[in-house]
Amino acid sequence: MLHSDYAKGRKDSDMFTKTGYDYGQFTSVGRVHFSNKEHLLDLFNGFDILVLEHKEIKTEMPMNEKIFASWNLVAQENCLVI
């Protein structure tokens, strides 16, 4: 939830979901779901997480210091064979 636009939306169904973006990359897309590591691990409980990457791109100039943050996740269903 480090993405700069997280703070620009209105809270929707929970603290991770925002809506009402009037400008920026999420304009008119409806509901946007943000996550942190703990939230992703909770959402994917019961799966084997094979890859979890967090990427951040920070704009240094102009001085607005925007942060684009995203997650890459590869998960596999946890299949127990008995």
PDB file of N, CA and C in Angstrom:
ATOM      1  N   MET A   1       0.816  -1.173   0.000  1.00  0.00           N
ATOM      2  CA  MET A   1       0.000   0.000   0.000  1.00  0.00           C
ATOM      3  C   MET A   1       0.869   1.249   0.000  1.00  0.00           C
ATOM      4  N   LEU A   2       2.025   1.080  -0.586  1.00  0.00           N
ATOM      5  CA  LEU A   2       2.966   2.194  -0.697  1.00  0.00           C
ATOM      6  C   LEU A   2       2.725   3.039  -1.938  1.00  0.00           C
ATOM      7  N   HIS A   3       1.860   2.578  -2.831  1.00  0.00           N
ATOM      8  CA  HIS A   3       1.567   3.305  -4.059  1.00  0.00           C
ATOM      9  C   HIS A   3       1.024   4.691  -3.707  1.00  0.00           C
ATOM     10  N   SER A   4       1.520   5.717  -4.354  1.00  0.00           N
ATOM     11  CA  SER A   4       1.102   7.094  -4.067  1.00  0.00           C
ATOM     12  C   SER A   4      -0.404   7.302  -4.204  1.00  0.00           C
ATOM     13  N   ASP A   5      -1.032   6.596  -5.124  1.00  0.00           N
ATOM     14  CA  ASP A   5      -2.455   6.798  -5.360  1.00  0.00           C
ATOM     15  C   ASP A   5      -3.347   6.143  -4.304  1.00  0.00           C
ATOM     16  N   TYR A   6      -2.788   5.324  -3.444  1.00  0.00           N
ATOM     17  CA  TYR A   6      -3.595   4.702  -2.381  1.00  0.00           C
ATOM     18  C   TYR A   6      -4.325   5.774  -1.571  1.00  0.00           C
ATOM     19  N   ALA A   7      -3.637   6.823  -1.201  1.00  0.00           N
ATOM     20  CA  ALA A   7      -4.220   7.873  -0.352  1.00  0.00           C
ATOM     21  C   ALA A   7      -5.199   8.769  -1.100  1.00  0.00           C
ATOM     22  N   LYS A   8      -5.223   8.701  -2.415  1.00  0.00           N
ATOM     23  CA  LYS A   8      -6.055   9.605  -3.216  1.00  0.00           C
ATOM     24  C   LYS A   8      -7.474   9.088  -3.431  1.00  0.00           C
ATOM     25  N   GLY A   9      -7.719   7.805  -3.152  1.00  0.00           N
ATOM     26  CA  GLY A   9      -9.049   7.244  -3.353  1.00  0.00           C
ATOM     27  C   GLY A   9      -9.872   7.256  -2.079  1.00  0.00           C
ATOM     28  N   ARG A  10     -11.169   7.001  -2.245  1.00  0.00           N
ATOM     29  CA  ARG A  10     -12.068   6.891  -1.098  1.00  0.00           C
ATOM     30  C   ARG A  10     -12.146   5.432  -0.667  1.00  0.00           C
ATOM     31  N   LYS A  11     -12.212   5.221   0.650  1.00  0.00           N
ATOM     32  CA  LYS A  11     -12.341   3.867   1.183  1.00  0.00           C
ATOM     33  C   LYS A  11     -13.613   3.227   0.643  1.00  0.00           C
ATOM     34  N   ASP A  12     -13.515   1.962   0.258  1.00  0.00           N
ATOM     35  CA  ASP A  12     -14.661   1.232  -0.259  1.00  0.00           C
ATOM     36  C   ASP A  12     -15.065   0.177   0.770  1.00  0.00           C
ATOM     37  N   SER A  13     -14.978  -1.085   0.449  1.00  0.00           N
ATOM     38  CA  SER A  13     -15.474  -2.152   1.319  1.00  0.00           C
ATOM     39  C   SER A  13     -14.544  -2.486   2.494  1.00  0.00           C
ATOM     40  N   ASP A  14     -13.274  -2.175   2.373  1.00  0.00           N
ATOM     41  CA  ASP A  14     -12.314  -2.423   3.452  1.00  0.00           C
ATOM     42  C   ASP A  14     -11.127  -1.486   3.277  1.00  0.00           C
ATOM     43  N   MET A  15     -10.153  -1.577   4.176  1.00  0.00           N
ATOM     44  CA  MET A  15      -9.019  -0.651   4.126  1.00  0.00           C
ATOM     45  C   MET A  15      -8.122  -0.862   2.909  1.00  0.00           C
ATOM     46  N   PHE A  16      -8.257  -1.990   2.241  1.00  0.00           N
ATOM     47  CA  PHE A  16      -7.420  -2.302   1.086  1.00  0.00           C
ATOM     48  C   PHE A  16      -8.050  -1.860  -0.237  1.00  0.00           C
ATOM     49  N   THR A  17      -9.337  -1.576  -0.230  1.00  0.00           N
ATOM     50  CA  THR A  17     -10.066  -1.272  -1.449  1.00  0.00           C
ATOM     51  C   THR A  17     -10.434   0.202  -1.496  1.00  0.00           C
ATOM     52  N   LYS A  18     -10.087   0.850  -2.602  1.00  0.00           N
ATOM     53  CA  LYS A  18     -10.368   2.275  -2.790  1.00  0.00           C
ATOM     54  C   LYS A  18     -11.157   2.468  -4.076  1.00  0.00           C
ATOM     55  N   THR A  19     -11.830   3.597  -4.176  1.00  0.00           N
ATOM     56  CA  THR A  19     -12.612   3.934  -5.353  1.00  0.00           C
ATOM     57  C   THR A  19     -12.678   5.452  -5.491  1.00  0.00           C
ATOM     58  N   GLY A  20     -13.309   5.920  -6.570  1.00  0.00           N
ATOM     59  CA  GLY A  20     -13.550   7.346  -6.736  1.00  0.00           C
ATOM     60  C   GLY A  20     -12.358   8.149  -7.202  1.00  0.00           C
ATOM     61  N   TYR A  21     -11.528   7.562  -8.018  1.00  0.00           N
ATOM     62  CA  TYR A  21     -10.356   8.286  -8.525  1.00  0.00           C
ATOM     63  C   TYR A  21     -10.766   9.225  -9.649  1.00  0.00           C
ATOM     64  N   ASP A  22     -10.477  10.517  -9.463  1.00  0.00           N
ATOM     65  CA  ASP A  22     -10.821  11.539 -10.452  1.00  0.00           C
ATOM     66  C   ASP A  22      -9.678  11.858 -11.400  1.00  0.00           C
ATOM     67  N   TYR A  23      -8.456  11.460 -11.039  1.00  0.00           N
ATOM     68  CA  TYR A  23      -7.296  11.698 -11.889  1.00  0.00           C
ATOM     69  C   TYR A  23      -6.232  10.651 -11.568  1.00  0.00           C
ATOM     70  N   GLY A  24      -5.258  10.517 -12.470  1.00  0.00           N
ATOM     71  CA  GLY A  24      -4.199   9.535 -12.279  1.00  0.00           C
ATOM     72  C   GLY A  24      -4.499   8.227 -12.993  1.00  0.00           C
ATOM     73  N   GLN A  25      -3.670   7.235 -12.754  1.00  0.00           N
ATOM     74  CA  GLN A  25      -3.772   5.984 -13.498  1.00  0.00           C
ATOM     75  C   GLN A  25      -5.030   5.175 -13.191  1.00  0.00           C
ATOM     76  N   PHE A  26      -5.719   5.452 -12.089  1.00  0.00           N
ATOM     77  CA  PHE A  26      -6.915   4.690 -11.740  1.00  0.00           C
ATOM     78  C   PHE A  26      -8.212   5.441 -12.032  1.00  0.00           C
ATOM     79  N   THR A  27      -8.140   6.518 -12.814  1.00  0.00           N
ATOM     80  CA  THR A  27      -9.320   7.300 -13.169  1.00  0.00           C
ATOM     81  C   THR A  27     -10.361   6.419 -13.855  1.00  0.00           C
ATOM     82  N   SER A  28     -11.571   6.443 -13.332  1.00  0.00           N
ATOM     83  CA  SER A  28     -12.734   5.775 -13.936  1.00  0.00           C
ATOM     84  C   SER A  28     -12.604   4.260 -14.048  1.00  0.00           C
ATOM     85  N   VAL A  29     -11.753   3.626 -13.253  1.00  0.00           N
ATOM     86  CA  VAL A  29     -11.653   2.162 -13.334  1.00  0.00           C
ATOM     87  C   VAL A  29     -12.515   1.459 -12.292  1.00  0.00           C
ATOM     88  N   GLY A  30     -13.133   2.216 -11.400  1.00  0.00           N
ATOM     89  CA  GLY A  30     -13.953   1.587 -10.366  1.00  0.00           C
ATOM     90  C   GLY A  30     -13.126   1.261  -9.138  1.00  0.00           C
ATOM     91  N   ARG A  31     -13.356   0.081  -8.585  1.00  0.00           N
ATOM     92  CA  ARG A  31     -12.681  -0.321  -7.348  1.00  0.00           C
ATOM     93  C   ARG A  31     -11.252  -0.781  -7.632  1.00  0.00           C
ATOM     94  N   VAL A  32     -10.320  -0.342  -6.770  1.00  0.00           N
ATOM     95  CA  VAL A  32      -8.912  -0.713  -6.883  1.00  0.00           C
ATOM     96  C   VAL A  32      -8.507  -1.357  -5.563  1.00  0.00           C
ATOM     97  N   HIS A  33      -7.913  -2.543  -5.634  1.00  0.00           N
ATOM     98  CA  HIS A  33      -7.507  -3.271  -4.428  1.00  0.00           C
ATOM     99  C   HIS A  33      -5.998  -3.165  -4.255  1.00  0.00           C
ATOM    100  N   PHE A  34      -5.577  -2.683  -3.106  1.00  0.00           N
ATOM    101  CA  PHE A  34      -4.172  -2.563  -2.750  1.00  0.00           C
ATOM    102  C   PHE A  34      -3.841  -3.638  -1.721  1.00  0.00           C
ATOM    103  N   SER A  35      -2.581  -4.019  -1.651  1.00  0.00           N
ATOM    104  CA  SER A  35      -2.181  -5.058  -0.704  1.00  0.00           C
ATOM    105  C   SER A  35      -0.818  -4.758  -0.111  1.00  0.00           C
ATOM    106  N   ASN A  36      -0.586  -5.348   1.047  1.00  0.00           N
ATOM    107  CA  ASN A  36       0.757  -5.417   1.615  1.00  0.00           C
ATOM    108  C   ASN A  36       1.106  -6.905   1.727  1.00  0.00           C
ATOM    109  N   LYS A  37       2.296  -7.200   2.141  1.00  0.00           N
ATOM    110  CA  LYS A  37       2.749  -8.593   2.173  1.00  0.00           C
ATOM    111  C   LYS A  37       1.852  -9.456   3.055  1.00  0.00           C
ATOM    112  N   GLU A  38       1.544  -8.978   4.238  1.00  0.00           N
ATOM    113  CA  GLU A  38       0.731  -9.758   5.168  1.00  0.00           C
ATOM    114  C   GLU A  38      -0.654 -10.047   4.588  1.00  0.00           C
ATOM    115  N   HIS A  39      -1.227  -9.057   3.924  1.00  0.00           N
ATOM    116  CA  HIS A  39      -2.551  -9.233   3.319  1.00  0.00           C
ATOM    117  C   HIS A  39      -2.502 -10.267   2.187  1.00  0.00           C
ATOM    118  N   LEU A  40      -1.472 -10.207   1.351  1.00  0.00           N
ATOM    119  CA  LEU A  40      -1.349 -11.195   0.275  1.00  0.00           C
ATOM    120  C   LEU A  40      -1.194 -12.603   0.830  1.00  0.00           C
ATOM    121  N   LEU A  41      -0.370 -12.756   1.852  1.00  0.00           N
ATOM    122  CA  LEU A  41      -0.184 -14.084   2.446  1.00  0.00           C
ATOM    123  C   LEU A  41      -1.493 -14.602   3.040  1.00  0.00           C
ATOM    124  N   ASP A  42      -2.282 -13.705   3.611  1.00  0.00           N
ATOM    125  CA  ASP A  42      -3.583 -14.090   4.145  1.00  0.00           C
ATOM    126  C   ASP A  42      -4.536 -14.497   3.022  1.00  0.00           C
ATOM    127  N   LEU A  43      -4.562 -13.701   1.941  1.00  0.00           N
ATOM    128  CA  LEU A  43      -5.435 -14.014   0.807  1.00  0.00           C
ATOM    129  C   LEU A  43      -5.088 -15.359   0.166  1.00  0.00           C
ATOM    130  N   PHE A  44      -3.815 -15.694   0.154  1.00  0.00           N
ATOM    131  CA  PHE A  44      -3.357 -16.922  -0.492  1.00  0.00           C
ATOM    132  C   PHE A  44      -3.058 -18.024   0.523  1.00  0.00           C
ATOM    133  N   ASN A  45      -3.683 -17.955   1.684  1.00  0.00           N
ATOM    134  CA  ASN A  45      -3.555 -19.004   2.692  1.00  0.00           C
ATOM    135  C   ASN A  45      -4.047 -20.323   2.080  1.00  0.00           C
ATOM    136  N   GLY A  46      -3.278 -21.379   2.225  1.00  0.00           N
ATOM    137  CA  GLY A  46      -3.631 -22.658   1.614  1.00  0.00           C
ATOM    138  C   GLY A  46      -2.944 -22.890   0.282  1.00  0.00           C
ATOM    139  N   PHE A  47      -2.229 -21.886  -0.194  1.00  0.00           N
ATOM    140  CA  PHE A  47      -1.448 -22.012  -1.417  1.00  0.00           C
ATOM    141  C   PHE A  47       0.036 -21.996  -1.061  1.00  0.00           C
ATOM    142  N   ASP A  48       0.834 -22.642  -1.877  1.00  0.00           N
ATOM    143  CA  ASP A  48       2.284 -22.522  -1.758  1.00  0.00           C
ATOM    144  C   ASP A  48       2.711 -21.308  -2.570  1.00  0.00           C
ATOM    145  N   ILE A  49       3.342 -20.344  -1.914  1.00  0.00           N
ATOM    146  CA  ILE A  49       3.834 -19.159  -2.606  1.00  0.00           C
ATOM    147  C   ILE A  49       5.200 -19.513  -3.202  1.00  0.00           C
ATOM    148  N   LEU A  50       5.276 -19.540  -4.526  1.00  0.00           N
ATOM    149  CA  LEU A  50       6.520 -19.886  -5.204  1.00  0.00           C
ATOM    150  C   LEU A  50       7.381 -18.653  -5.446  1.00  0.00           C
ATOM    151  N   VAL A  51       6.751 -17.534  -5.726  1.00  0.00           N
ATOM    152  CA  VAL A  51       7.460 -16.274  -5.975  1.00  0.00           C
ATOM    153  C   VAL A  51       6.625 -15.142  -5.383  1.00  0.00           C
ATOM    154  N   LEU A  52       7.277 -14.249  -4.657  1.00  0.00           N
ATOM    155  CA  LEU A  52       6.631 -13.036  -4.169  1.00  0.00           C
ATOM    156  C   LEU A  52       7.629 -11.900  -4.329  1.00  0.00           C
ATOM    157  N   GLU A  53       7.326 -10.998  -5.260  1.00  0.00           N
ATOM    158  CA  GLU A  53       8.221  -9.873  -5.552  1.00  0.00           C
ATOM    159  C   GLU A  53       7.472  -8.574  -5.310  1.00  0.00           C
ATOM    160  N   HIS A  54       8.169  -7.628  -4.728  1.00  0.00           N
ATOM    161  CA  HIS A  54       7.602  -6.289  -4.552  1.00  0.00           C
ATOM    162  C   HIS A  54       8.476  -5.318  -5.327  1.00  0.00           C
ATOM    163  N   LYS A  55       7.825  -4.512  -6.161  1.00  0.00           N
ATOM    164  CA  LYS A  55       8.568  -3.549  -6.975  1.00  0.00           C
ATOM    165  C   LYS A  55       8.101  -2.141  -6.639  1.00  0.00           C
ATOM    166  N   GLU A  56       9.059  -1.224  -6.570  1.00  0.00           N
ATOM    167  CA  GLU A  56       8.744   0.184  -6.364  1.00  0.00           C
ATOM    168  C   GLU A  56       9.523   1.018  -7.366  1.00  0.00           C
ATOM    169  N   ILE A  57       8.824   1.984  -7.956  1.00  0.00           N
ATOM    170  CA  ILE A  57       9.458   2.954  -8.837  1.00  0.00           C
ATOM    171  C   ILE A  57       9.125   4.328  -8.278  1.00  0.00           C
ATOM    172  N   LYS A  58      10.140   5.072  -7.921  1.00  0.00           N
ATOM    173  CA  LYS A  58       9.947   6.389  -7.318  1.00  0.00           C
ATOM    174  C   LYS A  58      10.369   7.464  -8.304  1.00  0.00           C
ATOM    175  N   THR A  59       9.464   8.395  -8.579  1.00  0.00           N
ATOM    176  CA  THR A  59       9.769   9.519  -9.461  1.00  0.00           C
ATOM    177  C   THR A  59      10.543  10.558  -8.665  1.00  0.00           C
ATOM    178  N   GLU A  60      11.742  10.847  -9.075  1.00  0.00           N
ATOM    179  CA  GLU A  60      12.591  11.817  -8.386  1.00  0.00           C
ATOM    180  C   GLU A  60      12.434  13.229  -8.948  1.00  0.00           C
ATOM    181  N   MET A  61      12.197  13.332 -10.263  1.00  0.00           N
ATOM    182  CA  MET A  61      12.031  14.634 -10.885  1.00  0.00           C
ATOM    183  C   MET A  61      10.849  14.558 -11.838  1.00  0.00           C
ATOM    184  N   PRO A  62       9.900  15.425 -11.799  1.00  0.00           N
ATOM    185  CA  PRO A  62       9.832  16.593 -10.929  1.00  0.00           C
ATOM    186  C   PRO A  62       9.662  16.181  -9.470  1.00  0.00           C
ATOM    187  N   MET A  63       9.656  17.141  -8.605  1.00  0.00           N
ATOM    188  CA  MET A  63       9.749  16.906  -7.167  1.00  0.00           C
ATOM    189  C   MET A  63       8.483  16.327  -6.529  1.00  0.00           C
ATOM    190  N   ASN A  64       7.599  15.742  -7.301  1.00  0.00           N
ATOM    191  CA  ASN A  64       6.378  15.211  -6.708  1.00  0.00           C
ATOM    192  C   ASN A  64       6.588  13.875  -6.004  1.00  0.00           C
ATOM    193  N   GLU A  65       7.698  13.225  -6.268  1.00  0.00           N
ATOM    194  CA  GLU A  65       8.070  11.970  -5.613  1.00  0.00           C
ATOM    195  C   GLU A  65       6.938  10.943  -5.615  1.00  0.00           C
ATOM    196  N   LYS A  66       6.343  10.713  -6.769  1.00  0.00           N
ATOM    197  CA  LYS A  66       5.333   9.668  -6.893  1.00  0.00           C
ATOM    198  C   LYS A  66       5.985   8.306  -6.714  1.00  0.00           C
ATOM    199  N   ILE A  67       5.231   7.390  -6.146  1.00  0.00           N
ATOM    200  CA  ILE A  67       5.704   6.016  -5.994  1.00  0.00           C
ATOM    201  C   ILE A  67       4.713   5.081  -6.670  1.00  0.00           C
ATOM    202  N   PHE A  68       5.209   4.294  -7.613  1.00  0.00           N
ATOM    203  CA  PHE A  68       4.440   3.223  -8.223  1.00  0.00           C
ATOM    204  C   PHE A  68       4.904   1.943  -7.544  1.00  0.00           C
ATOM    205  N   ALA A  69       4.008   1.254  -6.875  1.00  0.00           N
ATOM    206  CA  ALA A  69       4.365   0.025  -6.168  1.00  0.00           C
ATOM    207  C   ALA A  69       3.453  -1.100  -6.641  1.00  0.00           C
ATOM    208  N   SER A  70       4.031  -2.266  -6.863  1.00  0.00           N
ATOM    209  CA  SER A  70       3.233  -3.405  -7.316  1.00  0.00           C
ATOM    210  C   SER A  70       3.835  -4.707  -6.797  1.00  0.00           C
ATOM    211  N   TRP A  71       3.020  -5.743  -6.836  1.00  0.00           N
ATOM    212  CA  TRP A  71       3.430  -7.087  -6.419  1.00  0.00           C
ATOM    213  C   TRP A  71       3.340  -8.039  -7.605  1.00  0.00           C
ATOM    214  N   ASN A  72       4.293  -8.948  -7.695  1.00  0.00           N
ATOM    215  CA  ASN A  72       4.226 -10.112  -8.588  1.00  0.00           C
ATOM    216  C   ASN A  72       4.147 -11.329  -7.688  1.00  0.00           C
ATOM    217  N   LEU A  73       3.206 -12.203  -7.978  1.00  0.00           N
ATOM    218  CA  LEU A  73       3.010 -13.362  -7.125  1.00  0.00           C
ATOM    219  C   LEU A  73       2.740 -14.585  -7.995  1.00  0.00           C
ATOM    220  N   VAL A  74       3.402 -15.678  -7.680  1.00  0.00           N
ATOM    221  CA  VAL A  74       3.117 -16.965  -8.306  1.00  0.00           C
ATOM    222  C   VAL A  74       2.777 -17.912  -7.167  1.00  0.00           C
ATOM    223  N   ALA A  75       1.579 -18.490  -7.233  1.00  0.00           N
ATOM    224  CA  ALA A  75       1.123 -19.388  -6.183  1.00  0.00           C
ATOM    225  C   ALA A  75       0.644 -20.695  -6.797  1.00  0.00           C
ATOM    226  N   GLN A  76       0.793 -21.741  -6.034  1.00  0.00           N
ATOM    227  CA  GLN A  76       0.345 -23.067  -6.467  1.00  0.00           C
ATOM    228  C   GLN A  76      -0.567 -23.621  -5.398  1.00  0.00           C
ATOM    229  N   GLU A  77      -1.669 -24.205  -5.839  1.00  0.00           N
ATOM    230  CA  GLU A  77      -2.585 -24.780  -4.869  1.00  0.00           C
ATOM    231  C   GLU A  77      -1.868 -25.874  -4.088  1.00  0.00           C
ATOM    232  N   ASN A  78      -2.042 -25.842  -2.788  1.00  0.00           N
ATOM    233  CA  ASN A  78      -1.407 -26.812  -1.925  1.00  0.00           C
ATOM    234  C   ASN A  78      -2.199 -28.117  -1.983  1.00  0.00           C
ATOM    235  N   CYS A  79      -1.656 -29.114  -2.686  1.00  0.00           N
ATOM    236  CA  CYS A  79      -2.337 -30.386  -2.876  1.00  0.00           C
ATOM    237  C   CYS A  79      -1.654 -31.459  -2.035  1.00  0.00           C
ATOM    238  N   LEU A  80      -2.370 -31.943  -1.042  1.00  0.00           N
ATOM    239  CA  LEU A  80      -1.844 -33.041  -0.219  1.00  0.00           C
ATOM    240  C   LEU A  80      -2.386 -34.349  -0.766  1.00  0.00           C
ATOM    241  N   VAL A  81      -1.493 -35.278  -1.050  1.00  0.00           N
ATOM    242  CA  VAL A  81      -1.901 -36.597  -1.544  1.00  0.00           C
ATOM    243  C   VAL A  81      -1.784 -37.561  -0.381  1.00  0.00           C
ATOM    244  N   ILE A  82      -2.895 -38.216  -0.075  1.00  0.00           N
ATOM    245  CA  ILE A  82      -2.894 -39.157   1.056  1.00  0.00           C
ATOM    246  C   ILE A  82      -3.068 -40.569   0.535  1.00  0.00           C
TER     247      ILE A  82
END
